[in-house]
Amino acid sequence: MIPVNYYLALSAVLFGIGALGVLVRRNALVIFMSIELMLNAANVAFVAFSRQFGELDGQIMVLFVLTVAAAEVAVGLAMIVAIFRTRASINVDELNLLRG
Protein backbone atom coordinates (compact mmCIF):
# COMPACT_ATOMS: atom_id res chain seq x y z
CA MET A 1 0.00 0.00 0.00
CA ILE A 2 1.46 3.34 -1.08
CA PRO A 3 1.37 6.07 1.58
CA VAL A 4 -0.65 9.22 0.93
CA ASN A 5 2.48 11.34 1.30
CA TYR A 6 3.80 9.95 -1.99
CA TYR A 7 0.63 10.98 -3.80
CA LEU A 8 0.85 14.45 -2.29
CA ALA A 9 4.50 14.76 -3.29
CA LEU A 10 3.59 13.74 -6.85
CA SER A 11 0.78 16.29 -6.81
CA ALA A 12 3.13 19.03 -5.61
CA VAL A 13 5.70 18.20 -8.29
CA LEU A 14 3.07 18.20 -11.03
CA PHE A 15 1.62 21.48 -9.78
CA GLY A 16 5.09 23.03 -9.67
CA ILE A 17 5.86 21.93 -13.22
CA GLY A 18 2.53 23.36 -14.37
CA ALA A 19 3.08 26.66 -12.57
CA LEU A 20 6.57 26.92 -14.03
CA GLY A 21 5.15 26.26 -17.49
CA VAL A 22 2.58 29.05 -17.08
CA LEU A 23 5.19 31.53 -15.85
CA VAL A 24 8.01 30.72 -18.27
CA ARG A 25 6.41 29.77 -21.58
CA ARG A 26 4.94 32.29 -24.03
CA ASN A 27 3.06 29.90 -26.32
CA ALA A 28 -0.67 29.90 -25.58
CA LEU A 29 -1.03 26.14 -26.19
CA VAL A 30 1.77 25.33 -23.75
CA ILE A 31 0.18 27.64 -21.18
CA PHE A 32 -3.16 25.84 -21.53
CA MET A 33 -1.44 22.46 -21.19
CA SER A 34 0.33 23.73 -18.06
CA ILE A 35 -2.99 24.84 -16.59
CA GLU A 36 -4.40 21.38 -17.31
CA LEU A 37 -1.39 19.85 -15.56
CA MET A 38 -2.07 22.01 -12.52
CA LEU A 39 -5.73 20.96 -12.48
CA ASN A 40 -4.71 17.30 -12.69
CA ALA A 41 -2.28 17.81 -9.81
CA ALA A 42 -5.20 19.09 -7.74
CA ASN A 43 -7.18 16.02 -8.80
CA VAL A 44 -4.41 13.72 -7.55
CA ALA A 45 -4.47 15.50 -4.19
CA PHE A 46 -8.28 15.26 -3.99
CA VAL A 47 -8.21 11.52 -4.69
CA ALA A 48 -5.35 10.98 -2.20
CA PHE A 49 -7.24 12.73 0.59
CA SER A 50 -10.43 10.94 -0.38
CA ARG A 51 -8.63 7.62 -0.09
CA GLN A 52 -7.01 8.54 3.22
CA PHE A 53 -10.23 9.60 4.92
CA GLY A 54 -12.45 6.97 3.29
CA GLU A 55 -14.92 9.55 1.96
CA LEU A 56 -16.15 10.10 -1.58
CA ASP A 57 -16.11 13.90 -1.35
CA GLY A 58 -12.69 14.19 -3.01
CA GLN A 59 -13.73 12.00 -5.92
CA ILE A 60 -16.88 14.07 -6.42
CA MET A 61 -14.73 17.21 -6.50
CA VAL A 62 -12.56 15.55 -9.16
CA LEU A 63 -15.66 15.18 -11.35
CA PHE A 64 -16.38 18.90 -10.96
CA VAL A 65 -12.77 19.82 -11.74
CA LEU A 66 -12.81 17.61 -14.84
CA THR A 67 -16.01 19.31 -15.98
CA VAL A 68 -14.47 22.76 -15.52
CA ALA A 69 -11.29 21.60 -17.29
CA ALA A 70 -13.29 20.34 -20.27
CA ALA A 71 -15.13 23.64 -20.54
CA GLU A 72 -11.86 25.54 -20.21
CA VAL A 73 -10.30 23.51 -23.01
CA ALA A 74 -13.28 24.04 -25.32
CA VAL A 75 -13.38 27.81 -24.77
CA GLY A 76 -9.61 28.22 -24.66
CA LEU A 77 -8.94 26.30 -27.86
CA ALA A 78 -11.71 28.21 -29.65
CA MET A 79 -10.07 31.48 -28.56
CA ILE A 80 -6.64 30.28 -29.68
CA VAL A 81 -7.96 29.27 -33.10
CA ALA A 82 -9.73 32.62 -33.52
CA ILE A 83 -6.60 34.54 -32.50
CA PHE A 84 -4.40 32.44 -34.77
CA ARG A 85 -6.68 33.14 -37.72
CA THR A 86 -6.43 36.91 -37.22
CA ARG A 87 -2.81 37.23 -36.06
CA ALA A 88 -1.09 34.12 -37.48
CA SER A 89 0.66 33.73 -34.14
CA ILE A 90 -0.24 32.41 -30.70
CA ASN A 91 2.66 33.98 -28.86
CA VAL A 92 1.12 35.72 -25.84
CA ASP A 93 3.74 38.48 -25.89
CA GLU A 94 2.53 39.61 -29.31
CA LEU A 95 -1.17 39.64 -28.42
CA ASN A 96 -2.81 42.92 -27.48
CA LEU A 97 -6.38 42.18 -28.57
CA LEU A 98 -7.87 42.95 -25.17
CA ARG A 99 -6.45 46.44 -24.95
CA GLY A 100 -8.98 49.24 -25.31
PDB file of N, CA and C in Angstrom:
ATOM      1  N   MET A   1       0.842  -1.177   0.000  1.00  0.00           N
ATOM      2  CA  MET A   1       0.000   0.000   0.000  1.00  0.00           C
ATOM      3  C   MET A   1       0.891   1.244   0.000  1.00  0.00           C
ATOM      4  N   ILE A   2       0.656   2.125  -0.941  1.00  0.00           N
ATOM      5  CA  ILE A   2       1.463   3.343  -1.082  1.00  0.00           C
ATOM      6  C   ILE A   2       0.937   4.406  -0.116  1.00  0.00           C
ATOM      7  N   PRO A   3       1.820   5.029   0.652  1.00  0.00           N
ATOM      8  CA  PRO A   3       1.372   6.072   1.582  1.00  0.00           C
ATOM      9  C   PRO A   3       0.837   7.299   0.844  1.00  0.00           C
ATOM     10  N   VAL A   4      -0.035   8.027   1.512  1.00  0.00           N
ATOM     11  CA  VAL A   4      -0.654   9.215   0.928  1.00  0.00           C
ATOM     12  C   VAL A   4       0.384  10.302   0.681  1.00  0.00           C
ATOM     13  N   ASN A   5       1.441  10.325   1.471  1.00  0.00           N
ATOM     14  CA  ASN A   5       2.483  11.341   1.298  1.00  0.00           C
ATOM     15  C   ASN A   5       3.110  11.273  -0.097  1.00  0.00           C
ATOM     16  N   TYR A   6       3.232  10.089  -0.650  1.00  0.00           N
ATOM     17  CA  TYR A   6       3.800   9.949  -1.990  1.00  0.00           C
ATOM     18  C   TYR A   6       2.887  10.574  -3.040  1.00  0.00           C
ATOM     19  N   TYR A   7       1.585  10.374  -2.876  1.00  0.00           N
ATOM     20  CA  TYR A   7       0.633  10.981  -3.799  1.00  0.00           C
ATOM     21  C   TYR A   7       0.677  12.508  -3.695  1.00  0.00           C
ATOM     22  N   LEU A   8       0.790  12.997  -2.469  1.00  0.00           N
ATOM     23  CA  LEU A   8       0.845  14.449  -2.286  1.00  0.00           C
ATOM     24  C   LEU A   8       2.141  15.029  -2.831  1.00  0.00           C
ATOM     25  N   ALA A   9       3.238  14.299  -2.714  1.00  0.00           N
ATOM     26  CA  ALA A   9       4.501  14.757  -3.293  1.00  0.00           C
ATOM     27  C   ALA A   9       4.403  14.787  -4.816  1.00  0.00           C
ATOM     28  N   LEU A  10       3.797  13.751  -5.407  1.00  0.00           N
ATOM     29  CA  LEU A  10       3.587  13.739  -6.849  1.00  0.00           C
ATOM     30  C   LEU A  10       2.702  14.911  -7.274  1.00  0.00           C
ATOM     31  N   SER A  11       1.664  15.174  -6.510  1.00  0.00           N
ATOM     32  CA  SER A  11       0.779  16.291  -6.811  1.00  0.00           C
ATOM     33  C   SER A  11       1.521  17.622  -6.741  1.00  0.00           C
ATOM     34  N   ALA A  12       2.364  17.787  -5.741  1.00  0.00           N
ATOM     35  CA  ALA A  12       3.129  19.028  -5.609  1.00  0.00           C
ATOM     36  C   ALA A  12       4.113  19.205  -6.760  1.00  0.00           C
ATOM     37  N   VAL A  13       4.755  18.124  -7.174  1.00  0.00           N
ATOM     38  CA  VAL A  13       5.700  18.201  -8.292  1.00  0.00           C
ATOM     39  C   VAL A  13       4.970  18.554  -9.583  1.00  0.00           C
ATOM     40  N   LEU A  14       3.842  17.898  -9.827  1.00  0.00           N
ATOM     41  CA  LEU A  14       3.067  18.197 -11.033  1.00  0.00           C
ATOM     42  C   LEU A  14       2.569  19.633 -11.030  1.00  0.00           C
ATOM     43  N   PHE A  15       2.104  20.099  -9.877  1.00  0.00           N
ATOM     44  CA  PHE A  15       1.621  21.476  -9.785  1.00  0.00           C
ATOM     45  C   PHE A  15       2.766  22.460 -10.003  1.00  0.00           C
ATOM     46  N   GLY A  16       3.933  22.155  -9.461  1.00  0.00           N
ATOM     47  CA  GLY A  16       5.092  23.026  -9.666  1.00  0.00           C
ATOM     48  C   GLY A  16       5.519  23.087 -11.121  1.00  0.00           C
ATOM     49  N   ILE A  17       5.513  21.948 -11.796  1.00  0.00           N
ATOM     50  CA  ILE A  17       5.858  21.931 -13.221  1.00  0.00           C
ATOM     51  C   ILE A  17       4.839  22.743 -14.017  1.00  0.00           C
ATOM     52  N   GLY A  18       3.572  22.602 -13.679  1.00  0.00           N
ATOM     53  CA  GLY A  18       2.532  23.364 -14.367  1.00  0.00           C
ATOM     54  C   GLY A  18       2.658  24.853 -14.122  1.00  0.00           C
ATOM     55  N   ALA A  19       2.917  25.239 -12.883  1.00  0.00           N
ATOM     56  CA  ALA A  19       3.081  26.664 -12.571  1.00  0.00           C
ATOM     57  C   ALA A  19       4.305  27.238 -13.273  1.00  0.00           C
ATOM     58  N   LEU A  20       5.367  26.476 -13.322  1.00  0.00           N
ATOM     59  CA  LEU A  20       6.566  26.918 -14.030  1.00  0.00           C
ATOM     60  C   LEU A  20       6.284  27.076 -15.524  1.00  0.00           C
ATOM     61  N   GLY A  21       5.509  26.162 -16.081  1.00  0.00           N
ATOM     62  CA  GLY A  21       5.147  26.264 -17.489  1.00  0.00           C
ATOM     63  C   GLY A  21       4.307  27.491 -17.792  1.00  0.00           C
ATOM     64  N   VAL A  22       3.403  27.852 -16.884  1.00  0.00           N
ATOM     65  CA  VAL A  22       2.582  29.050 -17.083  1.00  0.00           C
ATOM     66  C   VAL A  22       3.439  30.308 -16.995  1.00  0.00           C
ATOM     67  N   LEU A  23       4.374  30.328 -16.066  1.00  0.00           N
ATOM     68  CA  LEU A  23       5.186  31.526 -15.854  1.00  0.00           C
ATOM     69  C   LEU A  23       6.284  31.707 -16.891  1.00  0.00           C
ATOM     70  N   VAL A  24       6.841  30.628 -17.409  1.00  0.00           N
ATOM     71  CA  VAL A  24       8.015  30.723 -18.274  1.00  0.00           C
ATOM     72  C   VAL A  24       7.646  30.744 -19.750  1.00  0.00           C
ATOM     73  N   ARG A  25       6.704  29.924 -20.163  1.00  0.00           N
ATOM     74  CA  ARG A  25       6.408  29.768 -21.584  1.00  0.00           C
ATOM     75  C   ARG A  25       5.566  30.927 -22.101  1.00  0.00           C
ATOM     76  N   ARG A  26       5.687  31.214 -23.382  1.00  0.00           N
ATOM     77  CA  ARG A  26       4.938  32.286 -24.026  1.00  0.00           C
ATOM     78  C   ARG A  26       3.990  31.777 -25.090  1.00  0.00           C
ATOM     79  N   ASN A  27       3.963  30.488 -25.351  1.00  0.00           N
ATOM     80  CA  ASN A  27       3.058  29.895 -26.319  1.00  0.00           C
ATOM     81  C   ASN A  27       1.732  29.597 -25.622  1.00  0.00           C
ATOM     82  N   ALA A  28       0.635  30.048 -26.223  1.00  0.00           N
ATOM     83  CA  ALA A  28      -0.674  29.896 -25.582  1.00  0.00           C
ATOM     84  C   ALA A  28      -1.051  28.431 -25.395  1.00  0.00           C
ATOM     85  N   LEU A  29      -0.706  27.560 -26.340  1.00  0.00           N
ATOM     86  CA  LEU A  29      -1.030  26.137 -26.190  1.00  0.00           C
ATOM     87  C   LEU A  29      -0.279  25.505 -25.024  1.00  0.00           C
ATOM     88  N   VAL A  30       0.979  25.862 -24.864  1.00  0.00           N
ATOM     89  CA  VAL A  30       1.769  25.328 -23.750  1.00  0.00           C
ATOM     90  C   VAL A  30       1.217  25.848 -22.420  1.00  0.00           C
ATOM     91  N   ILE A  31       0.764  27.087 -22.407  1.00  0.00           N
ATOM     92  CA  ILE A  31       0.176  27.638 -21.183  1.00  0.00           C
ATOM     93  C   ILE A  31      -1.101  26.888 -20.820  1.00  0.00           C
ATOM     94  N   PHE A  32      -1.949  26.594 -21.816  1.00  0.00           N
ATOM     95  CA  PHE A  32      -3.160  25.835 -21.532  1.00  0.00           C
ATOM     96  C   PHE A  32      -2.834  24.417 -21.063  1.00  0.00           C
ATOM     97  N   MET A  33      -1.835  23.791 -21.650  1.00  0.00           N
ATOM     98  CA  MET A  33      -1.443  22.457 -21.189  1.00  0.00           C
ATOM     99  C   MET A  33      -0.901  22.515 -19.761  1.00  0.00           C
ATOM    100  N   SER A  34      -0.190  23.578 -19.422  1.00  0.00           N
ATOM    101  CA  SER A  34       0.325  23.728 -18.063  1.00  0.00           C
ATOM    102  C   SER A  34      -0.807  23.922 -17.063  1.00  0.00           C
ATOM    103  N   ILE A  35      -1.827  24.671 -17.464  1.00  0.00           N
ATOM    104  CA  ILE A  35      -2.994  24.843 -16.589  1.00  0.00           C
ATOM    105  C   ILE A  35      -3.693  23.502 -16.386  1.00  0.00           C
ATOM    106  N   GLU A  36      -3.808  22.720 -17.436  1.00  0.00           N
ATOM    107  CA  GLU A  36      -4.401  21.384 -17.307  1.00  0.00           C
ATOM    108  C   GLU A  36      -3.575  20.493 -16.379  1.00  0.00           C
ATOM    109  N   LEU A  37      -2.263  20.619 -16.448  1.00  0.00           N
ATOM    110  CA  LEU A  37      -1.394  19.849 -15.560  1.00  0.00           C
ATOM    111  C   LEU A  37      -1.614  20.256 -14.106  1.00  0.00           C
ATOM    112  N   MET A  38      -1.798  21.539 -13.875  1.00  0.00           N
ATOM    113  CA  MET A  38      -2.068  22.006 -12.516  1.00  0.00           C
ATOM    114  C   MET A  38      -3.421  21.500 -12.013  1.00  0.00           C
ATOM    115  N   LEU A  39      -4.423  21.488 -12.880  1.00  0.00           N
ATOM    116  CA  LEU A  39      -5.731  20.957 -12.476  1.00  0.00           C
ATOM    117  C   LEU A  39      -5.650  19.463 -12.176  1.00  0.00           C
ATOM    118  N   ASN A  40      -4.875  18.726 -12.957  1.00  0.00           N
ATOM    119  CA  ASN A  40      -4.713  17.295 -12.687  1.00  0.00           C
ATOM    120  C   ASN A  40      -3.921  17.048 -11.408  1.00  0.00           C
ATOM    121  N   ALA A  41      -2.996  17.937 -11.086  1.00  0.00           N
ATOM    122  CA  ALA A  41      -2.283  17.814  -9.813  1.00  0.00           C
ATOM    123  C   ALA A  41      -3.257  17.985  -8.642  1.00  0.00           C
ATOM    124  N   ALA A  42      -4.168  18.932  -8.775  1.00  0.00           N
ATOM    125  CA  ALA A  42      -5.197  19.092  -7.737  1.00  0.00           C
ATOM    126  C   ALA A  42      -6.083  17.854  -7.663  1.00  0.00           C
ATOM    127  N   ASN A  43      -6.377  17.243  -8.800  1.00  0.00           N
ATOM    128  CA  ASN A  43      -7.182  16.017  -8.805  1.00  0.00           C
ATOM    129  C   ASN A  43      -6.477  14.885  -8.067  1.00  0.00           C
ATOM    130  N   VAL A  44      -5.177  14.759  -8.261  1.00  0.00           N
ATOM    131  CA  VAL A  44      -4.415  13.715  -7.555  1.00  0.00           C
ATOM    132  C   VAL A  44      -4.496  13.948  -6.045  1.00  0.00           C
ATOM    133  N   ALA A  45      -4.381  15.200  -5.626  1.00  0.00           N
ATOM    134  CA  ALA A  45      -4.471  15.500  -4.191  1.00  0.00           C
ATOM    135  C   ALA A  45      -5.867  15.202  -3.655  1.00  0.00           C
ATOM    136  N   PHE A  46      -6.902  15.567  -4.419  1.00  0.00           N
ATOM    137  CA  PHE A  46      -8.276  15.264  -3.992  1.00  0.00           C
ATOM    138  C   PHE A  46      -8.482  13.770  -3.817  1.00  0.00           C
ATOM    139  N   VAL A  47      -8.024  12.972  -4.772  1.00  0.00           N
ATOM    140  CA  VAL A  47      -8.209  11.521  -4.690  1.00  0.00           C
ATOM    141  C   VAL A  47      -7.383  10.936  -3.539  1.00  0.00           C
ATOM    142  N   ALA A  48      -6.184  11.475  -3.306  1.00  0.00           N
ATOM    143  CA  ALA A  48      -5.355  10.979  -2.203  1.00  0.00           C
ATOM    144  C   ALA A  48      -6.026  11.231  -0.860  1.00  0.00           C
ATOM    145  N   PHE A  49      -6.554  12.436  -0.670  1.00  0.00           N
ATOM    146  CA  PHE A  49      -7.244  12.731   0.589  1.00  0.00           C
ATOM    147  C   PHE A  49      -8.539  11.943   0.712  1.00  0.00           C
ATOM    148  N   SER A  50      -9.213  11.735  -0.402  1.00  0.00           N
ATOM    149  CA  SER A  50     -10.430  10.942  -0.380  1.00  0.00           C
ATOM    150  C   SER A  50     -10.133   9.510   0.041  1.00  0.00           C
ATOM    151  N   ARG A  51      -9.028   8.988  -0.449  1.00  0.00           N
ATOM    152  CA  ARG A  51      -8.630   7.624  -0.086  1.00  0.00           C
ATOM    153  C   ARG A  51      -8.204   7.547   1.377  1.00  0.00           C
ATOM    154  N   GLN A  52      -7.496   8.572   1.847  1.00  0.00           N
ATOM    155  CA  GLN A  52      -7.007   8.541   3.225  1.00  0.00           C
ATOM    156  C   GLN A  52      -8.157   8.593   4.227  1.00  0.00           C
ATOM    157  N   PHE A  53      -9.139   9.433   3.966  1.00  0.00           N
ATOM    158  CA  PHE A  53     -10.228   9.601   4.921  1.00  0.00           C
ATOM    159  C   PHE A  53     -11.414   8.677   4.658  1.00  0.00           C
ATOM    160  N   GLY A  54     -11.386   7.931   3.566  1.00  0.00           N
ATOM    161  CA  GLY A  54     -12.446   6.975   3.291  1.00  0.00           C
ATOM    162  C   GLY A  54     -13.756   7.620   2.885  1.00  0.00           C
ATOM    163  N   GLU A  55     -13.724   8.837   2.403  1.00  0.00           N
ATOM    164  CA  GLU A  55     -14.924   9.550   1.958  1.00  0.00           C
ATOM    165  C   GLU A  55     -14.910   9.681   0.443  1.00  0.00           C
ATOM    166  N   LEU A  56     -16.056   9.920  -0.134  1.00  0.00           N
ATOM    167  CA  LEU A  56     -16.152  10.099  -1.576  1.00  0.00           C
ATOM    168  C   LEU A  56     -16.164  11.565  -1.987  1.00  0.00           C
ATOM    169  N   ASP A  57     -16.035  12.475  -1.038  1.00  0.00           N
ATOM    170  CA  ASP A  57     -16.106  13.900  -1.354  1.00  0.00           C
ATOM    171  C   ASP A  57     -15.003  14.333  -2.314  1.00  0.00           C
ATOM    172  N   GLY A  58     -13.805  13.821  -2.128  1.00  0.00           N
ATOM    173  CA  GLY A  58     -12.693  14.188  -3.006  1.00  0.00           C
ATOM    174  C   GLY A  58     -12.916  13.709  -4.428  1.00  0.00           C
ATOM    175  N   GLN A  59     -13.476  12.528  -4.574  1.00  0.00           N
ATOM    176  CA  GLN A  59     -13.727  12.004  -5.917  1.00  0.00           C
ATOM    177  C   GLN A  59     -14.856  12.762  -6.608  1.00  0.00           C
ATOM    178  N   ILE A  60     -15.819  13.236  -5.839  1.00  0.00           N
ATOM    179  CA  ILE A  60     -16.877  14.068  -6.416  1.00  0.00           C
ATOM    180  C   ILE A  60     -16.302  15.400  -6.868  1.00  0.00           C
ATOM    181  N   MET A  61     -15.381  15.963  -6.097  1.00  0.00           N
ATOM    182  CA  MET A  61     -14.730  17.215  -6.496  1.00  0.00           C
ATOM    183  C   MET A  61     -13.918  17.017  -7.775  1.00  0.00           C
ATOM    184  N   VAL A  62     -13.316  15.845  -7.938  1.00  0.00           N
ATOM    185  CA  VAL A  62     -12.565  15.550  -9.160  1.00  0.00           C
ATOM    186  C   VAL A  62     -13.492  15.608 -10.375  1.00  0.00           C
ATOM    187  N   LEU A  63     -14.707  15.102 -10.242  1.00  0.00           N
ATOM    188  CA  LEU A  63     -15.656  15.178 -11.346  1.00  0.00           C
ATOM    189  C   LEU A  63     -15.979  16.624 -11.707  1.00  0.00           C
ATOM    190  N   PHE A  64     -16.135  17.476 -10.692  1.00  0.00           N
ATOM    191  CA  PHE A  64     -16.383  18.896 -10.961  1.00  0.00           C
ATOM    192  C   PHE A  64     -15.175  19.559 -11.617  1.00  0.00           C
ATOM    193  N   VAL A  65     -13.980  19.237 -11.153  1.00  0.00           N
ATOM    194  CA  VAL A  65     -12.768  19.816 -11.739  1.00  0.00           C
ATOM    195  C   VAL A  65     -12.604  19.360 -13.178  1.00  0.00           C
ATOM    196  N   LEU A  66     -12.882  18.096 -13.461  1.00  0.00           N
ATOM    197  CA  LEU A  66     -12.807  17.607 -14.837  1.00  0.00           C
ATOM    198  C   LEU A  66     -13.824  18.302 -15.738  1.00  0.00           C
ATOM    199  N   THR A  67     -15.002  18.593 -15.207  1.00  0.00           N
ATOM    200  CA  THR A  67     -16.006  19.313 -15.979  1.00  0.00           C
ATOM    201  C   THR A  67     -15.544  20.722 -16.298  1.00  0.00           C
ATOM    202  N   VAL A  68     -14.991  21.401 -15.306  1.00  0.00           N
ATOM    203  CA  VAL A  68     -14.470  22.756 -15.525  1.00  0.00           C
ATOM    204  C   VAL A  68     -13.294  22.712 -16.501  1.00  0.00           C
ATOM    205  N   ALA A  69     -12.439  21.715 -16.386  1.00  0.00           N
ATOM    206  CA  ALA A  69     -11.292  21.600 -17.294  1.00  0.00           C
ATOM    207  C   ALA A  69     -11.749  21.371 -18.730  1.00  0.00           C
ATOM    208  N   ALA A  70     -12.791  20.571 -18.919  1.00  0.00           N
ATOM    209  CA  ALA A  70     -13.295  20.337 -20.267  1.00  0.00           C
ATOM    210  C   ALA A  70     -13.877  21.613 -20.861  1.00  0.00           C
ATOM    211  N   ALA A  71     -14.591  22.365 -20.059  1.00  0.00           N
ATOM    212  CA  ALA A  71     -15.131  23.638 -20.541  1.00  0.00           C
ATOM    213  C   ALA A  71     -14.008  24.624 -20.839  1.00  0.00           C
ATOM    214  N   GLU A  72     -12.996  24.638 -19.999  1.00  0.00           N
ATOM    215  CA  GLU A  72     -11.862  25.540 -20.215  1.00  0.00           C
ATOM    216  C   GLU A  72     -11.120  25.192 -21.498  1.00  0.00           C
ATOM    217  N   VAL A  73     -10.975  23.929 -21.783  1.00  0.00           N
ATOM    218  CA  VAL A  73     -10.299  23.513 -23.014  1.00  0.00           C
ATOM    219  C   VAL A  73     -11.131  23.914 -24.224  1.00  0.00           C
ATOM    220  N   ALA A  74     -12.429  23.702 -24.172  1.00  0.00           N
ATOM    221  CA  ALA A  74     -13.276  24.043 -25.315  1.00  0.00           C
ATOM    222  C   ALA A  74     -13.233  25.537 -25.608  1.00  0.00           C
ATOM    223  N   VAL A  75     -13.391  26.357 -24.582  1.00  0.00           N
ATOM    224  CA  VAL A  75     -13.379  27.809 -24.771  1.00  0.00           C
ATOM    225  C   VAL A  75     -11.976  28.288 -25.116  1.00  0.00           C
ATOM    226  N   GLY A  76     -10.982  27.777 -24.428  1.00  0.00           N
ATOM    227  CA  GLY A  76      -9.610  28.216 -24.663  1.00  0.00           C
ATOM    228  C   GLY A  76      -9.115  27.880 -26.060  1.00  0.00           C
ATOM    229  N   LEU A  77      -9.380  26.668 -26.512  1.00  0.00           N
ATOM    230  CA  LEU A  77      -8.943  26.305 -27.862  1.00  0.00           C
ATOM    231  C   LEU A  77      -9.697  27.082 -28.930  1.00  0.00           C
ATOM    232  N   ALA A  78     -10.966  27.380 -28.703  1.00  0.00           N
ATOM    233  CA  ALA A  78     -11.709  28.213 -29.646  1.00  0.00           C
ATOM    234  C   ALA A  78     -11.100  29.614 -29.715  1.00  0.00           C
ATOM    235  N   MET A  79     -10.711  30.156 -28.578  1.00  0.00           N
ATOM    236  CA  MET A  79     -10.070  31.476 -28.563  1.00  0.00           C
ATOM    237  C   MET A  79      -8.719  31.433 -29.265  1.00  0.00           C
ATOM    238  N   ILE A  80      -7.961  30.387 -29.050  1.00  0.00           N
ATOM    239  CA  ILE A  80      -6.640  30.276 -29.680  1.00  0.00           C
ATOM    240  C   ILE A  80      -6.779  30.177 -31.195  1.00  0.00           C
ATOM    241  N   VAL A  81      -7.753  29.398 -31.656  1.00  0.00           N
ATOM    242  CA  VAL A  81      -7.961  29.267 -33.097  1.00  0.00           C
ATOM    243  C   VAL A  81      -8.388  30.605 -33.696  1.00  0.00           C
ATOM    244  N   ALA A  82      -9.279  31.323 -33.012  1.00  0.00           N
ATOM    245  CA  ALA A  82      -9.729  32.622 -33.516  1.00  0.00           C
ATOM    246  C   ALA A  82      -8.574  33.629 -33.551  1.00  0.00           C
ATOM    247  N   ILE A  83      -7.749  33.630 -32.528  1.00  0.00           N
ATOM    248  CA  ILE A  83      -6.602  34.541 -32.496  1.00  0.00           C
ATOM    249  C   ILE A  83      -5.592  34.158 -33.566  1.00  0.00           C
ATOM    250  N   PHE A  84      -5.362  32.867 -33.750  1.00  0.00           N
ATOM    251  CA  PHE A  84      -4.401  32.438 -34.769  1.00  0.00           C
ATOM    252  C   PHE A  84      -4.865  32.817 -36.170  1.00  0.00           C
ATOM    253  N   ARG A  85      -6.166  32.765 -36.403  1.00  0.00           N
ATOM    254  CA  ARG A  85      -6.680  33.141 -37.722  1.00  0.00           C
ATOM    255  C   ARG A  85      -6.484  34.627 -38.004  1.00  0.00           C
ATOM    256  N   THR A  86      -6.577  35.463 -36.987  1.00  0.00           N
ATOM    257  CA  THR A  86      -6.426  36.907 -37.219  1.00  0.00           C
ATOM    258  C   THR A  86      -4.984  37.365 -37.146  1.00  0.00           C
ATOM    259  N   ARG A  87      -4.183  36.767 -36.289  1.00  0.00           N
ATOM    260  CA  ARG A  87      -2.813  37.233 -36.064  1.00  0.00           C
ATOM    261  C   ARG A  87      -1.735  36.336 -36.641  1.00  0.00           C
ATOM    262  N   ALA A  88      -2.051  35.114 -36.982  1.00  0.00           N
ATOM    263  CA  ALA A  88      -1.094  34.116 -37.484  1.00  0.00           C
ATOM    264  C   ALA A  88       0.008  33.829 -36.479  1.00  0.00           C
ATOM    265  N   SER A  89      -0.291  34.028 -35.205  1.00  0.00           N
ATOM    266  CA  SER A  89       0.660  33.726 -34.135  1.00  0.00           C
ATOM    267  C   SER A  89      -0.123  33.506 -32.848  1.00  0.00           C
ATOM    268  N   ILE A  90       0.390  32.616 -31.999  1.00  0.00           N
ATOM    269  CA  ILE A  90      -0.243  32.408 -30.700  1.00  0.00           C
ATOM    270  C   ILE A  90       0.721  32.729 -29.566  1.00  0.00           C
ATOM    271  N   ASN A  91       1.720  33.521 -29.878  1.00  0.00           N
ATOM    272  CA  ASN A  91       2.659  33.984 -28.856  1.00  0.00           C
ATOM    273  C   ASN A  91       1.959  35.040 -28.008  1.00  0.00           C
ATOM    274  N   VAL A  92       1.880  34.821 -26.699  1.00  0.00           N
ATOM    275  CA  VAL A  92       1.123  35.722 -25.842  1.00  0.00           C
ATOM    276  C   VAL A  92       1.798  37.085 -25.681  1.00  0.00           C
ATOM    277  N   ASP A  93       3.081  37.187 -25.959  1.00  0.00           N
ATOM    278  CA  ASP A  93       3.743  38.482 -25.893  1.00  0.00           C
ATOM    279  C   ASP A  93       3.309  39.398 -27.031  1.00  0.00           C
ATOM    280  N   GLU A  94       2.920  38.828 -28.152  1.00  0.00           N
ATOM    281  CA  GLU A  94       2.531  39.614 -29.315  1.00  0.00           C
ATOM    282  C   GLU A  94       1.051  39.967 -29.334  1.00  0.00           C
ATOM    283  N   LEU A  95       0.278  39.421 -28.419  1.00  0.00           N
ATOM    284  CA  LEU A  95      -1.167  39.644 -28.424  1.00  0.00           C
ATOM    285  C   LEU A  95      -1.506  40.888 -27.610  1.00  0.00           C
ATOM    286  N   ASN A  96      -2.291  41.752 -28.198  1.00  0.00           N
ATOM    287  CA  ASN A  96      -2.815  42.916 -27.475  1.00  0.00           C
ATOM    288  C   ASN A  96      -4.259  43.154 -27.877  1.00  0.00           C
ATOM    289  N   LEU A  97      -4.987  42.081 -28.137  1.00  0.00           N
ATOM    290  CA  LEU A  97      -6.378  42.183 -28.574  1.00  0.00           C
ATOM    291  C   LEU A  97      -7.297  42.736 -27.492  1.00  0.00           C
ATOM    292  N   LEU A  98      -6.979  42.543 -26.247  1.00  0.00           N
ATOM    293  CA  LEU A  98      -7.871  42.954 -25.168  1.00  0.00           C
ATOM    294  C   LEU A  98      -7.617  44.385 -24.705  1.00  0.00           C
ATOM    295  N   ARG A  99      -6.686  45.046 -25.312  1.00  0.00           N
ATOM    296  CA  ARG A  99      -6.449  46.437 -24.950  1.00  0.00           C
ATOM    297  C   ARG A  99      -7.495  47.328 -25.587  1.00  0.00           C
ATOM    298  N   GLY A 100      -7.907  48.367 -24.847  1.00  0.00           N
ATOM    299  CA  GLY A 100      -8.983  49.236 -25.305  1.00  0.00           C
ATOM    300  C   GLY A 100      -8.590  50.365 -26.168  1.00  0.00           C
TER     301      GLY A 100
END
